[in-house]
């Protein structure tokens, strides 16, 4: 099947008809409302704050810090643009490693005594930009995502230096884990949890309202959730597989009392995919029930949210009332995690219309929101909706399928989209993210992440020419 680009769907009727054709069950509304009664402008009360809209900025990895983990001007520019977005809930803003060996790339930020002033300055940069554009900053709620990248650590160069929760029969081969020395021991996990605690103390000193204890996208926290074969206290049973979270929370609460906690969760996962002979994505071969997908149904290509619901139950028991829902991993199932028309250089061609992936994420989030109606829920996967993002976002919020619409890639090219939607302005089509995946292909090849096609700031850099040469070599079109 030849899939249509969203930009070709110029009316809501065309968009809805095409969604029906490809099997993407997406609600959408014709008229985008503005003013106090608009669904996307409805206040949301949480603890001592009342957020004045339903947009959230999702955490990202900019690949633009220094070798020792400090922010750069590029990092500050991104955070300034988060501030002008108009979104009131900043979910992490940045994925920040808690120690050097846990970095996903050699330019990822690290939160240490040495970098704390720079990371505090990011928060202030965002607040100042917001203050310059909006009436108040009192309703901002700003978090910092704390992470160890586990299987996908590249702390020094482009080369992987993985540490894993368990030996995986498929991912070990794919990502060069060839003996047990890569597996964290229980004692090493305990030491890492202490490092998360140290980072949480620093985040609180910086003034952040909360920390996100990352459990998504194949990184270490997420990998523990599928550690069914791991021996010891961090593997096997659901209780053991969630001990990492429970011990993280206990540590943060002890060393940083009063600091709020949220979790970004990959609520379902698939078996790893690979390019087939015709470069279209196909699942890796695995005999029998596939047990390594948290939230999976055992087939490798379907989901069952019983354990994710238990995870939310556990969060509630731990007095955590904020969750940001995503799915899968960009490293082995990008089509379900980051729906895009154009794959990154290390990806594969479409096996479904990306709108199907968006609909899947919205459906997963809606089922979990229904399970925990009083929990603050942020949804993901909206950028591929492009011109129709506001129409779907309004319908999703009105119907209670999520509380907040989370934006990632879209704010790289169009940071003020939330502000434009809330004020009733017509979308600036020249800024709308078209999911060319350059913001992924660039860092996969050692360059900073940014919107090279649509943001002149990146288009005018020397890295733009290098990126175009890599795409040509890999026959990536956009």
Protein backbone atom coordinates (compact mmCIF):
# COMPACT_ATOMS: atom_id res chain seq x y z
CA UNK A 1 0.00 0.00 0.00
CA UNK A 2 1.16 3.53 -0.78
CA UNK A 3 0.64 5.64 2.32
CA UNK A 4 -0.41 9.26 2.02
CA UNK A 5 1.45 12.07 3.72
CA UNK A 6 -0.59 13.92 6.32
CA UNK A 7 0.12 17.19 4.48
CA UNK A 8 -1.90 15.80 1.56
CA UNK A 9 -5.02 15.49 3.73
CA UNK A 10 -6.21 19.06 3.45
CA UNK A 11 -9.66 18.74 5.05
CA UNK A 12 -10.87 17.02 8.19
CA UNK A 13 -13.11 14.84 6.05
CA UNK A 14 -10.11 13.66 4.05
CA UNK A 15 -8.16 13.01 7.24
CA UNK A 16 -10.97 11.01 8.84
CA UNK A 17 -11.65 9.02 5.68
CA UNK A 18 -7.99 8.14 5.35
CA UNK A 19 -7.78 7.14 9.04
CA UNK A 20 -10.68 4.76 8.46
CA UNK A 21 -8.98 3.39 5.35
CA UNK A 22 -5.75 2.52 7.17
CA UNK A 23 -7.41 1.40 10.40
CA UNK A 24 -6.36 4.28 12.65
CA UNK A 25 -9.14 4.91 15.17
CA UNK A 26 -8.54 8.57 15.98
CA UNK A 27 -11.09 11.02 17.38
CA UNK A 28 -10.98 14.50 15.85
CA UNK A 29 -13.07 17.66 16.05
CA UNK A 30 -13.73 20.19 13.31
CA UNK A 31 -13.55 23.46 15.23
CA UNK A 32 -10.70 24.25 17.60
CA UNK A 33 -12.13 26.10 20.56
CA UNK A 34 -10.41 28.98 22.35
CA UNK A 35 -11.06 30.79 25.57
CA UNK A 36 -11.66 29.59 29.09
CA UNK A 37 -14.11 26.84 28.11
CA UNK A 38 -11.85 25.27 25.47
CA UNK A 39 -10.86 21.68 26.35
CA UNK A 40 -7.16 22.39 25.77
CA UNK A 41 -7.38 25.47 28.01
CA UNK A 42 -9.15 23.74 30.89
CA UNK A 43 -7.38 24.17 34.22
CA UNK A 44 -5.96 21.07 35.91
CA UNK A 45 -5.43 21.10 39.67
CA UNK A 46 -2.46 19.14 40.96
CA UNK A 47 -1.07 19.48 44.48
CA UNK A 48 -0.52 23.22 45.04
CA UNK A 49 -0.66 24.17 41.34
CA UNK A 50 -3.41 24.71 38.84
CA UNK A 51 -2.16 24.38 35.27
CA UNK A 52 -3.97 26.66 32.84
CA UNK A 53 -3.74 24.41 29.78
CA UNK A 54 -3.35 20.77 28.76
CA UNK A 55 -0.05 20.83 26.85
CA UNK A 56 3.13 19.24 28.16
CA UNK A 57 6.71 19.25 26.85
CA UNK A 58 8.28 15.79 26.75
CA UNK A 59 11.91 15.05 27.74
CA UNK A 60 14.50 14.80 24.99
CA UNK A 61 18.19 14.08 24.50
CA UNK A 62 19.80 16.96 22.64
CA UNK A 63 23.21 15.40 22.05
CA UNK A 64 24.45 18.94 22.51
CA UNK A 65 26.11 19.05 25.93
CA UNK A 66 29.82 19.11 26.58
CA UNK A 67 32.05 16.06 26.97
CA UNK A 68 31.82 16.44 30.75
CA UNK A 69 28.04 16.86 30.81
CA UNK A 70 27.49 20.63 30.94
CA UNK A 71 24.76 22.40 28.91
CA UNK A 72 25.81 24.46 25.89
CA UNK A 73 24.23 27.41 24.09
CA UNK A 74 22.34 24.90 21.93
CA UNK A 75 20.89 23.30 25.05
CA UNK A 76 19.88 26.65 26.47
CA UNK A 77 18.27 27.61 23.18
CA UNK A 78 16.05 24.51 23.30
CA UNK A 79 15.00 25.25 26.87
CA UNK A 80 14.24 28.85 25.96
CA UNK A 81 11.96 27.55 23.21
CA UNK A 82 10.26 25.23 25.70
CA UNK A 83 9.48 28.38 27.67
CA UNK A 84 7.86 30.17 24.74
CA UNK A 85 5.70 27.13 23.94
CA UNK A 86 3.05 28.14 26.46
CA UNK A 87 2.92 24.63 27.93
CA UNK A 88 2.66 24.67 31.71
CA UNK A 89 3.82 21.11 32.48
CA UNK A 90 7.44 20.52 31.49
CA UNK A 91 7.85 16.76 31.82
CA UNK A 92 11.57 16.42 32.32
CA UNK A 93 12.60 18.74 29.50
CA UNK A 94 15.85 16.82 29.25
CA UNK A 95 16.99 13.25 29.84
CA UNK A 96 19.89 13.72 32.27
CA UNK A 97 22.25 10.90 33.23
CA UNK A 98 22.88 10.36 36.93
CA UNK A 99 26.50 9.39 36.26
CA UNK A 100 28.98 9.28 33.38
CA UNK A 101 28.69 5.61 32.41
CA UNK A 102 24.90 5.94 32.10
CA UNK A 103 24.93 8.47 29.24
CA UNK A 104 23.06 7.58 26.05
CA UNK A 105 25.55 9.65 24.10
CA UNK A 106 28.87 11.35 24.66
CA UNK A 107 27.19 14.77 24.80
CA UNK A 108 24.33 13.96 27.15
CA UNK A 109 23.98 16.10 30.25
CA UNK A 110 25.06 14.64 33.60
CA UNK A 111 23.80 15.95 36.93
CA UNK A 112 26.76 16.27 39.30
CA UNK A 113 28.14 18.85 41.72
CA UNK A 114 30.23 20.14 38.82
CA UNK A 115 27.29 20.63 36.40
CA UNK A 116 24.56 21.63 38.84
CA UNK A 117 24.79 25.38 38.18
CA UNK A 118 24.38 24.91 34.44
CA UNK A 119 21.40 22.61 34.85
CA UNK A 120 19.83 25.06 37.29
CA UNK A 121 20.34 27.75 34.65
CA UNK A 122 18.31 25.72 32.14
CA UNK A 123 15.30 25.94 34.41
CA UNK A 124 15.75 29.68 34.84
CA UNK A 125 16.18 30.14 31.09
CA UNK A 126 12.82 28.44 30.52
CA UNK A 127 11.09 30.50 33.22
CA UNK A 128 12.48 33.77 31.88
CA UNK A 129 11.36 33.00 28.33
CA UNK A 130 7.90 32.05 29.61
CA UNK A 131 7.69 35.27 31.63
CA UNK A 132 8.52 37.33 28.55
CA UNK A 133 5.62 35.80 26.63
CA UNK A 134 2.86 34.98 29.12
CA UNK A 135 1.09 36.56 32.08
CA UNK A 136 2.42 34.30 34.80
CA UNK A 137 4.98 31.65 35.61
CA UNK A 138 3.32 30.66 38.88
CA UNK A 139 1.57 27.72 37.23
CA UNK A 140 4.68 26.23 35.62
CA UNK A 141 5.64 22.77 36.87
CA UNK A 142 9.12 21.84 35.73
CA UNK A 143 10.72 18.43 36.09
CA UNK A 144 14.01 16.80 35.21
CA UNK A 145 14.23 13.26 33.85
CA UNK A 146 16.86 11.14 35.63
CA UNK A 147 18.19 8.16 33.72
CA UNK A 148 20.76 5.47 33.20
CA UNK A 149 20.71 4.28 29.59
CA UNK A 150 21.63 0.67 30.32
CA UNK A 151 21.85 -1.34 27.10
CA UNK A 152 22.14 1.85 25.04
CA UNK A 153 24.99 3.62 26.85
CA UNK A 154 27.46 5.52 24.67
CA UNK A 155 29.20 7.65 27.30
CA UNK A 156 32.46 8.38 25.48
CA UNK A 157 32.12 7.93 21.70
CA UNK A 158 29.55 6.66 19.19
CA UNK A 159 30.46 3.14 20.34
CA UNK A 160 28.13 1.25 22.65
CA UNK A 161 29.32 0.54 26.19
CA UNK A 162 26.24 -1.34 27.40
CA UNK A 163 25.24 -2.35 30.91
CA UNK A 164 22.12 -4.49 31.06
CA UNK A 165 19.54 -5.78 33.49
CA UNK A 166 19.61 -9.27 31.97
CA UNK A 167 20.81 -11.31 29.00
CA UNK A 168 18.31 -10.86 26.16
CA UNK A 169 18.19 -13.55 23.45
CA UNK A 170 17.61 -11.04 20.63
CA UNK A 171 18.90 -7.67 21.79
CA UNK A 172 22.23 -9.08 22.98
CA UNK A 173 23.08 -10.05 19.40
CA UNK A 174 21.81 -6.76 18.02
CA UNK A 175 23.74 -4.59 20.48
CA UNK A 176 26.92 -6.61 21.08
CA UNK A 177 26.37 -7.96 24.58
CA UNK A 178 28.33 -11.20 24.50
CA UNK A 179 28.96 -12.26 28.11
CA UNK A 180 27.60 -11.90 31.65
CA UNK A 181 30.04 -9.16 32.60
CA UNK A 182 27.64 -6.61 31.05
CA UNK A 183 24.88 -7.51 33.54
CA UNK A 184 24.47 -5.33 36.64
CA UNK A 185 24.89 -7.29 39.84
CA UNK A 186 22.41 -6.64 42.64
CA UNK A 187 25.10 -4.74 44.56
CA UNK A 188 25.82 -2.59 41.50
CA UNK A 189 22.11 -1.83 41.16
CA UNK A 190 22.05 -0.71 44.79
CA UNK A 191 25.02 1.58 44.13
CA UNK A 192 23.27 3.02 41.07
CA UNK A 193 20.13 3.73 43.09
CA UNK A 194 22.28 5.73 45.51
CA UNK A 195 23.55 7.74 42.52
CA UNK A 196 19.96 8.47 41.49
CA UNK A 197 19.43 9.76 45.01
CA UNK A 198 22.44 12.08 44.75
CA UNK A 199 21.12 13.43 41.45
CA UNK A 200 17.66 13.96 42.97
CA UNK A 201 19.19 16.05 45.76
CA UNK A 202 20.91 18.23 43.15
CA UNK A 203 17.71 18.54 41.08
CA UNK A 204 15.92 19.78 44.18
CA UNK A 205 18.72 22.27 44.84
CA UNK A 206 18.27 23.52 41.26
CA UNK A 207 14.62 24.30 42.00
CA UNK A 208 13.00 21.59 39.90
CA UNK A 209 9.51 20.66 41.06
CA UNK A 210 9.87 16.97 40.35
CA UNK A 211 12.10 14.26 38.96
CA UNK A 212 11.00 11.69 36.41
CA UNK A 213 12.40 8.25 37.27
CA UNK A 214 12.65 7.02 33.69
CA UNK A 215 11.12 3.62 32.89
CA UNK A 216 10.79 3.77 29.12
CA UNK A 217 12.31 3.24 25.67
CA UNK A 218 14.51 0.25 26.47
CA UNK A 219 16.71 2.11 28.94
CA UNK A 220 17.63 0.49 32.23
CA UNK A 221 14.52 1.23 34.28
CA UNK A 222 12.32 -0.07 31.49
CA UNK A 223 14.48 -3.13 30.95
CA UNK A 224 14.07 -4.20 34.58
CA UNK A 225 10.32 -4.48 33.97
CA UNK A 226 10.90 -7.36 31.53
CA UNK A 227 13.70 -9.06 33.50
CA UNK A 228 11.73 -12.29 33.85
CA UNK A 229 14.87 -14.45 33.60
CA UNK A 230 17.04 -12.43 35.99
CA UNK A 231 18.01 -14.09 39.26
CA UNK A 232 18.06 -12.27 42.59
CA UNK A 233 15.96 -9.51 44.08
CA UNK A 234 15.62 -7.45 40.86
CA UNK A 235 14.25 -10.10 38.50
CA UNK A 236 11.66 -12.81 37.98
CA UNK A 237 8.39 -11.92 39.72
CA UNK A 238 6.51 -8.66 39.18
CA UNK A 239 7.44 -7.68 42.73
CA UNK A 240 11.13 -8.17 41.99
CA UNK A 241 10.99 -6.54 38.56
CA UNK A 242 9.51 -3.39 40.12
CA UNK A 243 11.95 -3.36 43.07
CA UNK A 244 14.19 -0.96 41.13
CA UNK A 245 11.38 1.60 41.11
CA UNK A 246 10.42 1.00 44.73
CA UNK A 247 13.99 1.37 45.93
CA UNK A 248 14.51 4.45 43.77
CA UNK A 249 11.44 6.08 45.28
CA UNK A 250 12.45 5.20 48.83
CA UNK A 251 15.91 6.66 48.26
CA UNK A 252 14.65 9.90 46.67
CA UNK A 253 12.10 10.38 49.43
CA UNK A 254 14.78 9.89 52.08
CA UNK A 255 17.45 12.20 50.65
CA UNK A 256 15.23 14.82 48.94
CA UNK A 257 12.06 15.11 51.05
CA UNK A 258 9.38 17.20 49.40
CA UNK A 259 10.65 16.61 45.86
CA UNK A 260 7.79 15.33 43.72
CA UNK A 261 8.20 12.19 41.60
CA UNK A 262 6.76 11.16 38.24
CA UNK A 263 7.45 8.20 35.97
CA UNK A 264 7.64 8.09 32.19
CA UNK A 265 6.59 4.55 31.31
CA UNK A 266 6.77 2.48 28.15
CA UNK A 267 3.44 0.84 28.90
CA UNK A 268 3.72 -1.79 26.17
CA UNK A 269 6.42 -3.16 23.94
CA UNK A 270 6.91 -5.41 20.91
CA UNK A 271 9.54 -7.92 19.88
CA UNK A 272 12.51 -6.21 18.13
CA UNK A 273 12.01 -5.47 14.44
CA UNK A 274 14.57 -5.44 11.64
CA UNK A 275 14.60 -4.52 7.93
CA UNK A 276 13.45 -7.38 5.69
CA UNK A 277 14.88 -8.05 2.23
CA UNK A 278 12.81 -5.22 0.82
CA UNK A 279 13.81 -3.02 3.83
CA UNK A 280 10.27 -3.09 5.28
CA UNK A 281 10.29 -3.74 9.02
CA UNK A 282 9.66 -7.31 10.14
CA UNK A 283 9.77 -8.90 13.60
CA UNK A 284 12.83 -10.87 14.66
CA UNK A 285 12.33 -14.64 14.79
CA UNK A 286 11.54 -16.13 18.20
CA UNK A 287 10.03 -19.54 18.93
CA UNK A 288 7.09 -19.75 21.32
CA UNK A 289 5.72 -17.19 23.77
CA UNK A 290 7.77 -13.98 23.78
CA UNK A 291 8.15 -12.95 27.47
CA UNK A 292 10.47 -9.94 27.17
CA UNK A 293 7.96 -7.25 26.20
CA UNK A 294 6.55 -5.47 29.25
CA UNK A 295 2.87 -4.95 28.48
CA UNK A 296 3.08 -7.46 25.63
CA UNK A 297 0.63 -10.28 25.02
CA UNK A 298 3.24 -12.96 24.32
CA UNK A 299 2.89 -12.83 20.54
CA UNK A 300 5.55 -10.12 20.21
CA UNK A 301 3.23 -7.90 18.18
CA UNK A 302 0.29 -7.26 20.51
CA UNK A 303 -0.30 -5.85 23.95
CA UNK A 304 -1.90 -6.78 27.27
CA UNK A 305 -2.04 -4.00 29.87
CA UNK A 306 -2.59 -6.13 32.97
CA UNK A 307 0.96 -5.65 34.27
CA UNK A 308 1.09 -1.95 33.31
CA UNK A 309 -2.11 -1.49 35.31
CA UNK A 310 -0.45 -3.23 38.25
CA UNK A 311 2.47 -0.83 37.77
CA UNK A 312 0.09 2.13 38.08
CA UNK A 313 -1.41 0.52 41.18
CA UNK A 314 2.09 0.33 42.60
CA UNK A 315 2.75 3.97 41.73
CA UNK A 316 -0.37 4.94 43.66
CA UNK A 317 0.77 2.85 46.64
CA UNK A 318 4.08 4.72 46.48
CA UNK A 319 2.21 8.06 46.51
CA UNK A 320 3.21 8.87 42.92
CA UNK A 321 0.37 10.54 41.05
CA UNK A 322 1.94 11.58 37.73
CA UNK A 323 2.64 9.25 34.81
CA UNK A 324 3.71 9.98 31.24
CA UNK A 325 2.74 7.16 28.90
CA UNK A 326 4.82 6.14 25.91
CA UNK A 327 5.53 2.77 24.29
CA UNK A 328 8.36 0.63 22.97
CA UNK A 329 11.87 1.83 22.15
CA UNK A 330 13.38 3.94 19.36
CA UNK A 331 16.23 1.42 19.10
CA UNK A 332 14.34 -1.72 18.14
CA UNK A 333 10.67 -0.80 17.47
CA UNK A 334 10.71 2.84 16.32
CA UNK A 335 7.52 2.43 14.28
CA UNK A 336 5.43 1.95 17.44
CA UNK A 337 7.34 4.43 19.61
CA UNK A 338 7.94 7.34 17.24
CA UNK A 339 5.55 7.08 14.27
CA UNK A 340 7.11 8.74 11.22
CA UNK A 341 6.73 8.68 7.45
CA UNK A 342 10.51 8.76 6.96
CA UNK A 343 12.71 6.38 8.98
CA UNK A 344 16.04 7.37 10.53
CA UNK A 345 19.21 6.08 8.92
CA UNK A 346 19.29 2.99 11.17
CA UNK A 347 15.57 2.27 10.86
CA UNK A 348 13.36 0.42 8.40
CA UNK A 349 10.64 1.27 5.92
CA UNK A 350 6.98 1.46 6.86
CA UNK A 351 5.03 -1.67 7.68
CA UNK A 352 1.95 0.30 8.75
CA UNK A 353 0.72 3.83 8.29
CA UNK A 354 2.21 5.93 11.11
CA UNK A 355 -1.30 7.08 12.03
CA UNK A 356 -1.91 3.51 13.20
CA UNK A 357 0.99 3.94 15.63
CA UNK A 358 -0.45 7.22 16.91
CA UNK A 359 -3.85 5.59 17.42
CA UNK A 360 -2.23 2.68 19.28
CA UNK A 361 -0.50 5.02 21.73
CA UNK A 362 -3.68 7.00 22.31
CA UNK A 363 -5.63 3.78 22.92
CA UNK A 364 -3.05 2.45 25.39
CA UNK A 365 -3.01 5.76 27.26
CA UNK A 366 -6.81 5.88 27.34
CA UNK A 367 -7.08 2.38 28.83
CA UNK A 368 -4.60 3.26 31.56
CA UNK A 369 -6.30 6.59 32.23
CA UNK A 370 -9.57 4.72 32.65
CA UNK A 371 -7.85 2.42 35.14
CA UNK A 372 -6.56 5.37 37.20
CA UNK A 373 -8.95 8.27 36.55
CA UNK A 374 -7.51 10.39 39.40
CA UNK A 375 -3.89 10.06 38.27
CA UNK A 376 -2.36 12.86 36.18
CA UNK A 377 -1.71 11.25 32.79
CA UNK A 378 0.37 12.68 29.93
CA UNK A 379 0.07 11.10 26.47
CA UNK A 380 2.72 10.82 23.75
CA UNK A 381 2.95 10.18 20.02
CA UNK A 382 1.08 13.25 18.77
CA UNK A 383 3.67 14.88 16.50
CA UNK A 384 2.89 12.72 13.48
CA UNK A 385 -0.66 14.17 13.43
CA UNK A 386 0.92 17.35 12.05
CA UNK A 387 -1.81 19.69 10.71
CA UNK A 388 -4.48 17.71 12.56
CA UNK A 389 -2.74 17.60 15.94
CA UNK A 390 -5.00 20.27 17.51
CA UNK A 391 -8.16 18.55 16.23
CA UNK A 392 -7.22 15.18 17.68
CA UNK A 393 -5.74 16.68 20.87
CA UNK A 394 -8.94 18.57 21.63
CA UNK A 395 -11.07 15.47 21.12
CA UNK A 396 -8.77 13.28 23.21
CA UNK A 397 -8.78 15.71 26.14
CA UNK A 398 -12.51 16.36 25.92
CA UNK A 399 -13.22 12.64 26.02
CA UNK A 400 -10.90 12.11 29.00
CA UNK A 401 -8.53 9.78 27.11
CA UNK A 402 -5.61 11.70 28.58
CA UNK A 403 -5.14 14.76 30.77
CA UNK A 404 -2.23 16.32 28.89
CA UNK A 405 -1.00 16.19 25.31
CA UNK A 406 2.75 15.67 25.34
CA UNK A 407 4.86 17.17 22.54
CA UNK A 408 8.42 16.17 21.65
CA UNK A 409 9.71 16.48 18.06
CA UNK A 410 7.05 19.04 17.20
CA UNK A 411 8.49 21.66 19.55
CA UNK A 412 11.89 21.40 17.87
CA UNK A 413 10.46 22.81 14.65
CA UNK A 414 7.42 24.65 16.02
CA UNK A 415 7.94 25.50 19.70
CA UNK A 416 5.04 27.95 19.90
CA UNK A 417 2.43 25.55 18.51
CA UNK A 418 0.67 25.25 21.91
CA UNK A 419 0.51 29.03 22.25
CA UNK A 420 -0.86 29.40 18.71
CA UNK A 421 -3.53 26.75 19.30
CA UNK A 422 -4.62 28.24 22.62
CA UNK A 423 -4.87 31.75 21.16
CA UNK A 424 -6.80 30.64 18.09
CA UNK A 425 -4.08 31.43 15.57
CA UNK A 426 -3.87 29.49 12.34
CA UNK A 427 -1.10 26.90 12.38
CA UNK A 428 2.13 27.98 10.69
CA UNK A 429 2.38 25.12 8.18
CA UNK A 430 5.99 25.89 7.28
CA UNK A 431 7.00 25.07 10.86
CA UNK A 432 5.00 21.86 11.32
CA UNK A 433 7.17 18.79 11.95
CA UNK A 434 6.84 16.39 9.00
CA UNK A 435 8.74 13.58 10.78
CA UNK A 436 11.72 13.55 8.43
CA UNK A 437 13.63 11.89 11.34
CA UNK A 438 16.68 14.12 10.87
CA UNK A 439 16.49 14.86 14.61
CA UNK A 440 17.21 11.13 15.09
CA UNK A 441 19.52 10.41 12.14
CA UNK A 442 21.84 13.26 13.18
CA UNK A 443 22.54 12.02 16.72
CA UNK A 444 22.74 8.40 15.54
CA UNK A 445 25.74 9.66 13.57
CA UNK A 446 27.32 11.73 16.34
CA UNK A 447 25.77 15.13 15.62
CA UNK A 448 23.55 17.31 17.77
CA UNK A 449 19.82 16.75 17.56
CA UNK A 450 17.61 19.44 16.08
CA UNK A 451 15.20 20.14 13.26
CA UNK A 452 17.58 20.44 10.31
CA UNK A 453 14.88 20.74 7.61
CA UNK A 454 12.73 23.45 9.22
CA UNK A 455 14.81 25.33 11.78
CA UNK A 456 17.26 27.72 10.03
CA UNK A 457 19.48 27.62 13.10
CA UNK A 458 20.41 24.01 12.28
CA UNK A 459 20.02 24.24 8.52
CA UNK A 460 22.80 26.81 8.37
CA UNK A 461 25.33 24.68 10.26
CA UNK A 462 28.16 22.62 8.77
CA UNK A 463 26.47 19.54 10.22
CA UNK A 464 23.55 20.02 7.82
CA UNK A 465 25.73 19.15 4.82
CA UNK A 466 27.21 16.19 6.67
CA UNK A 467 23.71 14.95 7.52
CA UNK A 468 22.52 15.25 3.92
CA UNK A 469 25.54 13.21 2.77
CA UNK A 470 24.75 10.48 5.32
CA UNK A 471 21.13 10.35 4.21
CA UNK A 472 22.19 10.11 0.58
CA UNK A 473 24.64 7.32 1.40
CA UNK A 474 21.95 5.42 3.29
CA UNK A 475 19.33 6.18 0.61
CA UNK A 476 17.10 7.94 3.13
CA UNK A 477 14.60 10.20 1.39
CA UNK A 478 12.39 12.94 2.76
